[in-house]
C-alpha atoms as a PDB file:
ATOM      1  CA  MET A   1      85.146  95.907 104.584  1.00  0.00           C
ATOM      2  CA  PRO A   2      88.882  96.696 103.678  1.00  0.00           C
ATOM      3  CA  ALA A   3      90.115  95.927 100.392  1.00  0.00           C
ATOM      4  CA  LEU A   4      92.824  93.503 100.727  1.00  0.00           C
ATOM      5  CA  HIS A   5      95.895  93.099  98.180  1.00  0.00           C
ATOM      6  CA  LEU A   6      97.176  89.666  97.424  1.00  0.00           C
ATOM      7  CA  LEU A   7     100.434  89.779  95.666  1.00  0.00           C
ATOM      8  CA  ARG A   8     103.500  87.995  95.020  1.00  0.00           C
ATOM      9  CA  VAL A   9     107.359  89.426  95.402  1.00  0.00           C
ATOM     10  CA  PHE A  10     110.212  88.037  94.029  1.00  0.00           C
ATOM     11  CA  CYS A  11     108.822  86.246  90.917  1.00  0.00           C
ATOM     12  CA  ALA A  12     110.676  84.293  88.771  1.00  0.00           C
ATOM     13  CA  ASP A  13     111.623  86.009  85.221  1.00  0.00           C
ATOM     14  CA  ASN A  14     108.235  84.229  84.155  1.00  0.00           C
ATOM     15  CA  GLY A  15     105.877  85.647  86.761  1.00  0.00           C
ATOM     16  CA  SER A  16     106.016  81.999  89.152  1.00  0.00           C
ATOM     17  CA  GLU A  17     106.682  81.767  92.366  1.00  0.00           C
ATOM     18  CA  GLY A  18     107.358  84.616  94.742  1.00  0.00           C
ATOM     19  CA  ASN A  19     106.749  85.225  97.811  1.00  0.00           C
ATOM     20  CA  PRO A  20     102.673  85.705  98.960  1.00  0.00           C
ATOM     21  CA  LEU A  21     102.243  89.338 100.340  1.00  0.00           C
ATOM     22  CA  GLY A  22      99.293  90.961 101.877  1.00  0.00           C
ATOM     23  CA  VAL A  23      98.694  95.009 101.624  1.00  0.00           C
ATOM     24  CA  PHE A  24      96.088  96.973 103.041  1.00  0.00           C
ATOM     25  CA  LEU A  25      96.191 100.247 100.614  1.00  0.00           C
ATOM     26  CA  ASP A  26      94.046 102.161 103.169  1.00  0.00           C
ATOM     27  CA  GLY A  27      95.809 100.935 106.578  1.00  0.00           C
ATOM     28  CA  GLY A  28      93.412 103.714 108.261  1.00  0.00           C
ATOM     29  CA  GLU A  29      90.423 100.960 107.365  1.00  0.00           C
ATOM     30  CA  VAL A  30      92.163  98.396 109.958  1.00  0.00           C
ATOM     31  CA  ALA A  31      92.897  99.903 113.590  1.00  0.00           C
ATOM     32  CA  PRO A  32      96.431  99.260 115.270  1.00  0.00           C
ATOM     33  CA  GLU A  33      95.218  97.507 117.636  1.00  0.00           C
ATOM     34  CA  LEU A  34      93.797  94.749 115.219  1.00  0.00           C
ATOM     35  CA  ARG A  35      96.580  94.755 112.484  1.00  0.00           C
ATOM     36  CA  GLN A  36      98.481  91.788 114.661  1.00  0.00           C
ATOM     37  CA  ALA A  37      95.170  89.400 115.119  1.00  0.00           C
ATOM     38  CA  VAL A  38      94.811  90.166 111.060  1.00  0.00           C
ATOM     39  CA  ALA A  39      98.221  89.205 109.742  1.00  0.00           C
ATOM     40  CA  ALA A  40      97.853  86.135 111.918  1.00  0.00           C
ATOM     41  CA  ASP A  41      94.233  85.478 110.530  1.00  0.00           C
ATOM     42  CA  LEU A  42      95.542  85.735 107.043  1.00  0.00           C
ATOM     43  CA  GLY A  43      98.885  83.502 108.172  1.00  0.00           C
ATOM     44  CA  LEU A  44     101.126  84.969 105.094  1.00  0.00           C
ATOM     45  CA  SER A  45     104.435  85.715 105.688  1.00  0.00           C
ATOM     46  CA  GLU A  46     104.083  89.218 105.839  1.00  0.00           C
ATOM     47  CA  THR A  47     100.667  91.642 106.152  1.00  0.00           C
ATOM     48  CA  VAL A  48     101.887  95.413 105.190  1.00  0.00           C
ATOM     49  CA  PHE A  49      99.021  98.217 106.320  1.00  0.00           C
ATOM     50  CA  VAL A  50      99.911 101.215 104.158  1.00  0.00           C
ATOM     51  CA  ASP A  51      99.004 104.254 106.737  1.00  0.00           C
ATOM     52  CA  ASP A  52      99.451 107.504 104.177  1.00  0.00           C
ATOM     53  CA  ALA A  53     100.187 106.186 100.139  1.00  0.00           C
ATOM     54  CA  GLU A  54     101.907 109.974  99.425  1.00  0.00           C
ATOM     55  CA  ARG A  55     104.444 109.653 101.686  1.00  0.00           C
ATOM     56  CA  GLY A  56     104.966 105.880 102.036  1.00  0.00           C
ATOM     57  CA  GLU A  57     104.216 105.542 105.806  1.00  0.00           C
ATOM     58  CA  ILE A  58     103.956 101.753 105.913  1.00  0.00           C
ATOM     59  CA  ARG A  59     103.727  99.205 108.718  1.00  0.00           C
ATOM     60  CA  ILE A  60     104.876  95.511 108.079  1.00  0.00           C
ATOM     61  CA  PHE A  61     103.601  92.458 110.198  1.00  0.00           C
ATOM     62  CA  THR A  62     104.591  88.631 110.229  1.00  0.00           C
ATOM     63  CA  PRO A  63     101.977  86.366 111.783  1.00  0.00           C
ATOM     64  CA  ALA A  64     103.512  86.695 115.480  1.00  0.00           C
ATOM     65  CA  GLU A  65     105.008  90.107 115.498  1.00  0.00           C
ATOM     66  CA  GLU A  66     105.857  93.585 113.601  1.00  0.00           C
ATOM     67  CA  LEU A  67     108.807  93.911 111.947  1.00  0.00           C
ATOM     68  CA  ASP A  68     110.795  97.367 111.188  1.00  0.00           C
ATOM     69  CA  PHE A  69     111.627  96.425 108.433  1.00  0.00           C
ATOM     70  CA  ALA A  70     111.389  93.540 105.574  1.00  0.00           C
ATOM     71  CA  GLY A  71     112.107  92.665 101.717  1.00  0.00           C
ATOM     72  CA  HIS A  72     109.327  91.800 100.138  1.00  0.00           C
ATOM     73  CA  PRO A  73     106.769  93.680 101.577  1.00  0.00           C
ATOM     74  CA  THR A  74     108.963  97.264 100.805  1.00  0.00           C
ATOM     75  CA  VAL A  75     109.277  95.986  97.659  1.00  0.00           C
ATOM     76  CA  GLY A  76     105.622  94.672  96.647  1.00  0.00           C
ATOM     77  CA  THR A  77     104.082  97.338  98.542  1.00  0.00           C
ATOM     78  CA  ALA A  78     106.601 100.112  96.155  1.00  0.00           C
ATOM     79  CA  TRP A  79     105.214  98.004  93.066  1.00  0.00           C
ATOM     80  CA  LEU A  80     101.617  98.425  94.091  1.00  0.00           C
ATOM     81  CA  LEU A  81     101.941 102.139  95.122  1.00  0.00           C
ATOM     82  CA  ASP A  82     103.376 103.368  91.752  1.00  0.00           C
ATOM     83  CA  GLY A  83     105.380 106.794  91.728  1.00  0.00           C
ATOM     84  CA  VAL A  84     106.210 106.317  95.155  1.00  0.00           C
ATOM     85  CA  ASP A  85     109.786 107.578  95.628  1.00  0.00           C
ATOM     86  CA  ALA A  86     110.494 106.539  98.573  1.00  0.00           C
ATOM     87  CA  LEU A  87     108.228 103.992 101.525  1.00  0.00           C
ATOM     88  CA  ARG A  88     108.905 104.657 105.407  1.00  0.00           C
ATOM     89  CA  PRO A  89     108.671 101.816 107.913  1.00  0.00           C
ATOM     90  CA  PRO A  90     109.147 102.145 110.981  1.00  0.00           C
ATOM     91  CA  ALA A  91     112.869 101.737 110.096  1.00  0.00           C
ATOM     92  CA  GLY A  92     113.594 104.500 108.304  1.00  0.00           C
ATOM     93  CA  GLU A  93     113.290 105.570 104.997  1.00  0.00           C
ATOM     94  CA  VAL A  94     113.348 102.945 101.771  1.00  0.00           C
ATOM     95  CA  PRO A  95     114.123 104.995  98.577  1.00  0.00           C
ATOM     96  CA  VAL A  96     112.194 103.303  95.556  1.00  0.00           C
ATOM     97  CA  ARG A  97     113.856 102.976  92.070  1.00  0.00           C
ATOM     98  CA  ARG A  98     111.949 101.217  89.328  1.00  0.00           C
ATOM     99  CA  ASP A  99     113.389  99.239  85.944  1.00  0.00           C
ATOM    100  CA  GLY A 100     111.357  98.253  83.885  1.00  0.00           C
ATOM    101  CA  GLU A 101     108.898  95.211  85.813  1.00  0.00           C
ATOM    102  CA  VAL A 102     111.958  95.533  88.343  1.00  0.00           C
ATOM    103  CA  VAL A 103     111.014  97.699  91.714  1.00  0.00           C
ATOM    104  CA  TYR A 104     114.222  98.144  93.858  1.00  0.00           C
ATOM    105  CA  VAL A 105     114.681  99.103  97.702  1.00  0.00           C
ATOM    106  CA  THR A 106     117.755 100.197  99.315  1.00  0.00           C
ATOM    107  CA  ALA A 107     117.921  99.469 102.903  1.00  0.00           C
ATOM    108  CA  ARG A 108     120.491  98.749 105.595  1.00  0.00           C
ATOM    109  CA  PRO A 109     121.364  95.894 106.554  1.00  0.00           C
ATOM    110  CA  GLU A 110     121.277  96.223 110.297  1.00  0.00           C
ATOM    111  CA  TRP A 111     117.277  97.038 109.328  1.00  0.00           C
ATOM    112  CA  GLY A 112     114.894  93.772 109.907  1.00  0.00           C
ATOM    113  CA  PRO A 113     115.252  90.374 112.091  1.00  0.00           C
ATOM    114  CA  PRO A 114     118.368  89.795 113.061  1.00  0.00           C
ATOM    115  CA  TRP A 115     119.379  86.252 110.739  1.00  0.00           C
ATOM    116  CA  GLU A 116     122.103  84.348 111.042  1.00  0.00           C
ATOM    117  CA  LEU A 117     123.553  83.471 107.531  1.00  0.00           C
ATOM    118  CA  ALA A 118     124.882  79.539 107.246  1.00  0.00           C
ATOM    119  CA  GLN A 119     127.126  78.834 103.823  1.00  0.00           C
ATOM    120  CA  LEU A 120     126.883  75.059 103.165  1.00  0.00           C
ATOM    121  CA  ALA A 121     129.121  73.137 100.794  1.00  0.00           C
ATOM    122  CA  SER A 122     127.008  73.248  97.709  1.00  0.00           C
ATOM    123  CA  ALA A 123     123.513  74.102  96.622  1.00  0.00           C
ATOM    124  CA  HIS A 124     122.307  70.700  97.042  1.00  0.00           C
ATOM    125  CA  GLU A 125     122.762  70.770 100.535  1.00  0.00           C
ATOM    126  CA  VAL A 126     120.570  74.143 100.428  1.00  0.00           C
ATOM    127  CA  GLU A 127     118.324  71.542  98.828  1.00  0.00           C
ATOM    128  CA  ALA A 128     118.128  69.088 100.853  1.00  0.00           C
ATOM    129  CA  LEU A 129     117.226  70.453 103.830  1.00  0.00           C
ATOM    130  CA  ASP A 130     113.909  69.708 105.883  1.00  0.00           C
ATOM    131  CA  GLY A 131     114.306  72.682 108.093  1.00  0.00           C
ATOM    132  CA  PRO A 132     117.025  75.085 110.091  1.00  0.00           C
ATOM    133  CA  PRO A 133     119.722  73.502 111.489  1.00  0.00           C
ATOM    134  CA  ALA A 134     119.526  72.173 114.916  1.00  0.00           C
ATOM    135  CA  GLY A 135     119.567  74.864 117.345  1.00  0.00           C
ATOM    136  CA  HIS A 136     118.609  77.901 115.083  1.00  0.00           C
ATOM    137  CA  ASP A 137     115.447  79.260 114.485  1.00  0.00           C
ATOM    138  CA  LEU A 138     116.087  82.259 112.212  1.00  0.00           C
ATOM    139  CA  THR A 139     118.440  81.145 109.830  1.00  0.00           C
ATOM    140  CA  MET A 140     119.350  81.819 105.720  1.00  0.00           C
ATOM    141  CA  ALA A 141     120.998  79.059 104.604  1.00  0.00           C
ATOM    142  CA  TRP A 142     123.037  79.205 101.443  1.00  0.00           C
ATOM    143  CA  ALA A 143     125.614  78.120  98.792  1.00  0.00           C
ATOM    144  CA  TRP A 144     127.221  79.399  95.638  1.00  0.00           C
ATOM    145  CA  ILE A 145     125.742  77.990  92.315  1.00  0.00           C
ATOM    146  CA  ASP A 146     128.263  79.858  90.267  1.00  0.00           C
ATOM    147  CA  GLU A 147     130.645  82.130  92.459  1.00  0.00           C
ATOM    148  CA  ASP A 148     132.223  83.816  89.265  1.00  0.00           C
ATOM    149  CA  ALA A 149     128.719  84.820  88.407  1.00  0.00           C
ATOM    150  CA  GLY A 150     127.495  85.681  91.328  1.00  0.00           C
ATOM    151  CA  THR A 151     124.458  82.851  91.192  1.00  0.00           C
ATOM    152  CA  VAL A 152     123.046  82.148  95.186  1.00  0.00           C
ATOM    153  CA  ARG A 153     120.647  79.139  95.990  1.00  0.00           C
ATOM    154  CA  ALA A 154     119.224  80.194  99.767  1.00  0.00           C
ATOM    155  CA  ARG A 155     116.222  79.088 102.101  1.00  0.00           C
ATOM    156  CA  ALA A 156     115.244  81.131 104.503  1.00  0.00           C
ATOM    157  CA  PHE A 157     113.701  79.386 107.847  1.00  0.00           C
ATOM    158  CA  PRO A 158     112.375  82.373 110.124  1.00  0.00           C
ATOM    159  CA  VAL A 159     110.606  80.163 112.587  1.00  0.00           C
ATOM    160  CA  ARG A 160     111.276  82.617 115.390  1.00  0.00           C
ATOM    161  CA  ILE A 161     108.537  85.221 113.951  1.00  0.00           C
ATOM    162  CA  GLY A 162     106.320  82.494 113.406  1.00  0.00           C
ATOM    163  CA  ILE A 163     107.065  81.334 109.510  1.00  0.00           C
ATOM    164  CA  ALA A 164     108.528  77.753 109.065  1.00  0.00           C
ATOM    165  CA  GLU A 165     110.108  78.554 105.916  1.00  0.00           C
ATOM    166  CA  ASP A 166     110.417  81.859 103.885  1.00  0.00           C
ATOM    167  CA  GLU A 167     109.909  81.931  99.948  1.00  0.00           C
ATOM    168  CA  ALA A 168     112.142  85.104  99.243  1.00  0.00           C
ATOM    169  CA  THR A 169     113.276  87.245 101.989  1.00  0.00           C
ATOM    170  CA  GLY A 170     114.356  90.533 101.483  1.00  0.00           C
ATOM    171  CA  SER A 171     116.150  91.578 104.726  1.00  0.00           C
ATOM    172  CA  ALA A 172     118.501  88.654 104.998  1.00  0.00           C
ATOM    173  CA  ALA A 173     119.501  89.376 101.365  1.00  0.00           C
ATOM    174  CA  THR A 174     120.157  92.485 102.087  1.00  0.00           C
ATOM    175  CA  LYS A 175     122.807  90.765 105.412  1.00  0.00           C
ATOM    176  CA  LEU A 176     124.168  88.905 102.314  1.00  0.00           C
ATOM    177  CA  CYS A 177     124.785  90.891  99.955  1.00  0.00           C
ATOM    178  CA  ALA A 178     126.950  93.220 102.319  1.00  0.00           C
ATOM    179  CA  LEU A 179     128.752  90.312 103.997  1.00  0.00           C
ATOM    180  CA  LEU A 180     129.964  89.427 100.015  1.00  0.00           C
ATOM    181  CA  GLY A 181     130.763  92.711  99.446  1.00  0.00           C
ATOM    182  CA  ARG A 182     129.502  92.323  95.639  1.00  0.00           C
ATOM    183  CA  PRO A 183     126.665  92.137  93.974  1.00  0.00           C
ATOM    184  CA  ILE A 184     124.625  89.150  93.802  1.00  0.00           C
ATOM    185  CA  ASP A 185     121.424  86.837  92.008  1.00  0.00           C
ATOM    186  CA  ILE A 186     119.623  84.974  94.595  1.00  0.00           C
ATOM    187  CA  ARG A 187     117.166  81.689  93.526  1.00  0.00           C
ATOM    188  CA  GLN A 188     115.117  81.185  97.219  1.00  0.00           C
ATOM    189  CA  GLY A 189     112.996  78.792  98.246  1.00  0.00           C
ATOM    190  CA  ARG A 190     111.222  77.160  94.932  1.00  0.00           C
ATOM    191  CA  GLY A 191     111.622  79.518  92.325  1.00  0.00           C
ATOM    192  CA  SER A 192     111.881  82.826  93.395  1.00  0.00           C
ATOM    193  CA  ARG A 193     114.820  85.470  92.525  1.00  0.00           C
ATOM    194  CA  ILE A 194     116.112  88.291  94.364  1.00  0.00           C
ATOM    195  CA  LEU A 195     118.449  90.994  92.749  1.00  0.00           C
ATOM    196  CA  ALA A 196     121.110  92.732  95.473  1.00  0.00           C
ATOM    197  CA  ARG A 197     124.120  94.725  94.927  1.00  0.00           C
ATOM    198  CA  PRO A 198     126.008  96.978  97.532  1.00  0.00           C
ATOM    199  CA  ARG A 199     125.298 100.540  97.308  1.00  0.00           C
ATOM    200  CA  ASP A 200     127.553 103.557  98.818  1.00  0.00           C
ATOM    201  CA  ASP A 201     127.422 104.293 102.521  1.00  0.00           C
ATOM    202  CA  GLU A 202     126.940 100.715 103.698  1.00  0.00           C
ATOM    203  CA  LEU A 203     124.032 100.515 102.192  1.00  0.00           C
ATOM    204  CA  VAL A 204     121.976  97.543  99.799  1.00  0.00           C
ATOM    205  CA  GLU A 205     119.791  97.836  97.052  1.00  0.00           C
ATOM    206  CA  ILE A 206     117.629  94.660  96.419  1.00  0.00           C
ATOM    207  CA  GLY A 207     114.666  94.422  94.104  1.00  0.00           C
ATOM    208  CA  GLY A 208     112.686  91.839  91.871  1.00  0.00           C
ATOM    209  CA  ARG A 209     109.103  91.405  90.236  1.00  0.00           C
ATOM    210  CA  SER A 210     106.118  91.400  91.788  1.00  0.00           C
ATOM    211  CA  VAL A 211     102.135  89.870  90.803  1.00  0.00           C
ATOM    212  CA  GLU A 212      99.489  90.671  91.893  1.00  0.00           C
ATOM    213  CA  ASP A 213      97.072  87.890  92.282  1.00  0.00           C
ATOM    214  CA  ASP A 214      93.749  89.280  93.582  1.00  0.00           C
ATOM    215  CA  VAL A 215      91.476  91.763  95.397  1.00  0.00           C
ATOM    216  CA  ARG A 216      89.478  91.068  97.879  1.00  0.00           C
ATOM    217  CA  ASP A 217      87.208  92.603 100.839  1.00  0.00           C
ATOM    218  CA  TYR A 218      88.240  91.076 104.229  1.00  0.00           C
ATOM    219  CA  ALA A 219      86.075  90.736 107.085  1.00  0.00           C
ATOM    220  CA  LEU A 220      87.905  92.282 110.079  1.00  0.00           C
ATOM    221  CA  PRO A 221      88.272  89.775 113.245  1.00  0.00           C
END
Protein backbone atom coordinates (compact mmCIF):
# COMPACT_ATOMS: atom_id res chain seq x y z
CA MET A 1 0.00 0.00 0.00
CA PRO A 2 1.29 3.49 -0.77
CA ALA A 3 2.32 5.69 2.16
CA LEU A 4 0.18 8.79 2.70
CA HIS A 5 1.70 11.77 4.51
CA LEU A 6 -0.87 13.95 6.29
CA LEU A 7 0.18 17.48 7.19
CA ARG A 8 -1.13 20.97 7.80
CA VAL A 9 0.20 23.91 5.83
CA PHE A 10 0.20 27.67 6.56
CA CYS A 11 -0.02 26.96 10.28
CA ALA A 12 -0.08 29.66 12.92
CA ASP A 13 3.24 30.46 14.59
CA ASN A 14 2.50 27.96 17.38
CA GLY A 15 1.82 25.14 14.88
CA SER A 16 -1.95 25.19 15.26
CA GLU A 17 -4.53 25.28 12.46
CA GLY A 18 -3.23 25.19 8.88
CA ASN A 19 -4.81 23.60 5.82
CA PRO A 20 -4.82 19.77 5.77
CA LEU A 21 -2.90 18.19 2.89
CA GLY A 22 -2.29 14.65 1.73
CA VAL A 23 0.96 13.82 -0.07
CA PHE A 24 2.01 10.56 -1.71
CA LEU A 25 5.79 10.96 -1.90
CA ASP A 26 5.96 7.93 -4.22
CA GLY A 27 3.22 8.99 -6.59
CA GLY A 28 4.11 6.16 -8.96
CA GLU A 29 2.39 3.79 -6.54
CA VAL A 30 -0.95 5.39 -7.48
CA ALA A 31 -1.89 4.94 -11.14
CA PRO A 32 -2.90 8.17 -12.94
CA GLU A 33 -6.40 6.87 -13.62
CA LEU A 34 -6.96 6.31 -9.88
CA ARG A 35 -5.74 9.67 -8.61
CA GLN A 36 -8.97 11.62 -8.91
CA ALA A 37 -10.85 8.87 -7.07
CA VAL A 38 -8.20 8.83 -4.34
CA ALA A 39 -8.46 12.60 -3.87
CA ALA A 40 -12.26 12.34 -3.69
CA ASP A 41 -12.01 9.49 -1.18
CA LEU A 42 -9.64 11.45 1.07
CA GLY A 43 -11.86 14.53 0.90
CA LEU A 44 -9.00 16.96 1.59
CA SER A 45 -8.93 20.29 -0.18
CA GLU A 46 -5.91 18.98 -2.12
CA THR A 47 -3.92 15.78 -2.49
CA VAL A 48 -0.44 15.70 -4.09
CA PHE A 49 1.21 12.88 -6.02
CA VAL A 50 5.00 13.24 -6.34
CA ASP A 51 6.07 11.69 -9.65
CA ASP A 52 9.78 12.62 -9.42
CA ALA A 53 11.06 13.76 -6.02
CA GLU A 54 14.50 14.80 -7.30
CA ARG A 55 13.05 17.02 -10.04
CA GLY A 56 10.06 18.10 -7.95
CA GLU A 57 7.50 16.88 -10.49
CA ILE A 58 4.06 16.81 -8.85
CA ARG A 59 0.35 16.60 -9.69
CA ILE A 60 -2.33 18.26 -7.55
CA PHE A 61 -5.97 17.15 -7.20
CA THR A 62 -8.97 18.55 -5.34
CA PRO A 63 -11.87 16.16 -4.63
CA ALA A 64 -13.41 17.30 -7.94
CA GLU A 65 -10.60 18.10 -10.40
CA GLU A 66 -6.88 18.42 -11.11
CA LEU A 67 -5.23 21.84 -10.68
CA ASP A 68 -2.28 23.25 -12.60
CA PHE A 69 -1.03 25.00 -9.42
CA ALA A 70 -2.11 25.48 -5.82
CA GLY A 71 -0.36 27.21 -2.96
CA HIS A 72 -0.62 25.07 0.13
CA PRO A 73 0.13 21.83 -1.78
CA THR A 74 3.36 23.28 -3.20
CA VAL A 75 4.46 24.79 0.12
CA GLY A 76 3.68 21.59 2.02
CA THR A 77 5.30 19.29 -0.53
CA ALA A 78 8.42 21.48 -0.68
CA TRP A 79 8.63 21.26 3.11
CA LEU A 80 8.45 17.44 2.95
CA LEU A 81 10.99 17.25 0.12
CA ASP A 82 13.70 18.90 2.20
CA GLY A 83 16.45 20.06 -0.13
CA VAL A 84 14.43 20.46 -3.33
CA ASP A 85 15.03 23.88 -4.91
CA ALA A 86 12.00 23.87 -7.23
CA LEU A 87 8.73 22.07 -7.80
CA ARG A 88 7.24 21.37 -11.21
CA PRO A 89 3.44 21.14 -11.21
CA PRO A 90 1.70 21.31 -14.62
CA ALA A 91 1.65 25.15 -14.50
CA GLY A 92 5.44 25.47 -14.60
CA GLU A 93 8.54 25.73 -12.44
CA VAL A 94 7.96 26.90 -8.86
CA PRO A 95 11.16 28.02 -7.08
CA VAL A 96 11.48 27.06 -3.40
CA ARG A 97 13.16 29.03 -0.61
CA ARG A 98 13.57 28.24 3.09
CA ASP A 99 13.94 30.61 6.01
CA GLY A 100 14.11 28.62 9.23
CA GLU A 101 10.77 26.88 9.74
CA VAL A 102 9.09 28.81 6.93
CA VAL A 103 9.07 27.49 3.36
CA TYR A 104 8.33 29.84 0.46
CA VAL A 105 7.36 29.17 -3.14
CA THR A 106 7.23 31.66 -6.00
CA ALA A 107 4.49 31.51 -8.62
CA ARG A 108 2.60 33.52 -11.21
CA PRO A 109 -0.68 35.01 -9.97
CA GLU A 110 -2.49 33.80 -13.09
CA TRP A 111 -1.80 30.18 -12.16
CA GLY A 112 -4.31 28.17 -10.17
CA PRO A 113 -8.08 28.61 -10.06
CA PRO A 114 -9.57 31.90 -11.33
CA TRP A 115 -10.35 33.37 -7.91
CA GLU A 116 -12.64 36.34 -7.46
CA LEU A 117 -11.41 38.73 -4.77
CA ALA A 118 -14.18 40.42 -2.81
CA GLN A 119 -13.08 43.23 -0.50
CA LEU A 120 -15.42 43.76 2.46
CA ALA A 121 -15.59 46.79 4.70
CA SER A 122 -14.19 45.16 7.83
CA ALA A 123 -12.66 42.01 9.23
CA HIS A 124 -15.88 41.60 11.23
CA GLU A 125 -17.86 41.28 7.98
CA VAL A 126 -15.47 38.57 6.80
CA GLU A 127 -15.92 36.74 10.10
CA ALA A 128 -19.71 36.90 9.79
CA LEU A 129 -19.90 35.14 6.41
CA ASP A 130 -21.64 31.76 6.37
CA GLY A 131 -20.64 31.01 2.78
CA PRO A 132 -19.67 32.77 -0.45
CA PRO A 133 -21.57 35.84 -1.63
CA ALA A 134 -24.74 34.90 -3.49
CA GLY A 135 -24.10 33.85 -7.06
CA HIS A 136 -20.36 33.30 -6.54
CA ASP A 137 -18.68 29.93 -6.17
CA LEU A 138 -14.93 30.66 -6.29
CA THR A 139 -14.35 33.66 -4.05
CA MET A 140 -11.88 34.93 -1.49
CA ALA A 141 -13.49 37.54 0.76
CA TRP A 142 -11.01 39.80 2.50
CA ALA A 143 -10.65 42.98 4.53
CA TRP A 144 -7.86 44.88 6.19
CA ILE A 145 -7.11 44.18 9.83
CA ASP A 146 -4.36 46.80 9.79
CA GLU A 147 -3.68 48.38 6.40
CA ASP A 148 -0.53 50.18 7.54
CA ALA A 149 0.94 46.90 8.77
CA GLY A 150 -0.33 44.96 5.74
CA THR A 151 -2.39 42.52 7.82
CA VAL A 152 -5.42 40.98 6.11
CA ARG A 153 -8.36 38.87 7.28
CA ALA A 154 -9.57 36.43 4.60
CA ARG A 155 -11.84 33.47 3.99
CA ALA A 156 -12.06 31.46 0.75
CA PHE A 157 -15.03 29.57 -0.69
CA PRO A 158 -14.02 27.40 -3.68
CA VAL A 159 -17.34 25.61 -4.05
CA ARG A 160 -16.79 25.26 -7.82
CA ILE A 161 -13.86 22.90 -7.32
CA GLY A 162 -15.51 20.76 -4.66
CA ILE A 163 -14.51 22.57 -1.43
CA ALA A 164 -17.08 24.38 0.74
CA GLU A 165 -14.47 26.54 2.51
CA ASP A 166 -10.69 26.39 2.24
CA GLU A 167 -8.71 26.95 5.42
CA ALA A 168 -5.65 28.57 3.78
CA THR A 169 -5.40 29.33 0.08
CA GLY A 170 -2.03 30.14 -1.44
CA SER A 171 -3.21 30.55 -5.04
CA ALA A 172 -5.72 33.21 -3.95
CA ALA A 173 -3.01 34.84 -1.83
CA THR A 174 -0.81 35.26 -4.92
CA LYS A 175 -3.65 37.05 -6.71
CA LEU A 176 -4.46 39.31 -3.75
CA CYS A 177 -0.79 40.20 -3.23
CA ALA A 178 -0.41 41.03 -6.94
CA LEU A 179 -3.54 43.18 -6.81
CA LEU A 180 -2.33 45.14 -3.77
CA GLY A 181 1.26 45.32 -4.98
CA ARG A 182 2.79 45.08 -1.50
CA PRO A 183 3.80 42.52 1.13
CA ILE A 184 0.82 41.18 3.10
CA ASP A 185 0.29 38.93 6.11
CA ILE A 186 -2.96 36.99 5.62
CA ARG A 187 -4.89 35.50 8.52
CA GLN A 188 -7.29 33.01 6.95
CA GLY A 189 -9.83 30.48 8.12
CA ARG A 190 -9.80 29.49 11.80
CA GLY A 191 -6.27 30.74 12.44
CA SER A 192 -3.94 30.03 9.53
CA ARG A 193 -1.24 32.41 8.35
CA ILE A 194 0.08 33.08 4.83
CA LEU A 195 2.96 35.46 4.11
CA ALA A 196 3.03 36.95 0.60
CA ARG A 197 5.15 39.50 -1.19
CA PRO A 198 5.59 40.67 -4.80
CA ARG A 199 8.75 39.66 -6.62
CA ASP A 200 10.31 40.72 -9.92
CA ASP A 201 8.73 39.82 -13.27
CA GLU A 202 5.19 39.96 -11.86
CA LEU A 203 5.79 36.92 -9.66
CA VAL A 204 4.55 36.51 -6.08
CA GLU A 205 6.24 34.62 -3.24
CA ILE A 206 4.05 32.94 -0.62
CA GLY A 207 5.15 31.04 2.45
CA GLY A 208 4.26 29.59 5.80
CA ARG A 209 4.84 26.89 8.36
CA SER A 210 3.96 23.20 7.99
CA VAL A 211 3.40 20.41 10.52
CA GLU A 212 3.21 16.68 9.77
CA ASP A 213 0.50 14.89 11.73
CA ASP A 214 0.66 11.31 10.47
CA VAL A 215 2.07 8.84 7.95
CA ARG A 216 -0.14 5.87 7.17
CA ASP A 217 -0.63 3.13 4.61
CA TYR A 218 -3.48 3.91 2.23
CA ALA A 219 -5.63 1.17 0.72
CA LEU A 220 -6.29 2.07 -2.91
CA PRO A 221 -9.96 2.10 -3.98
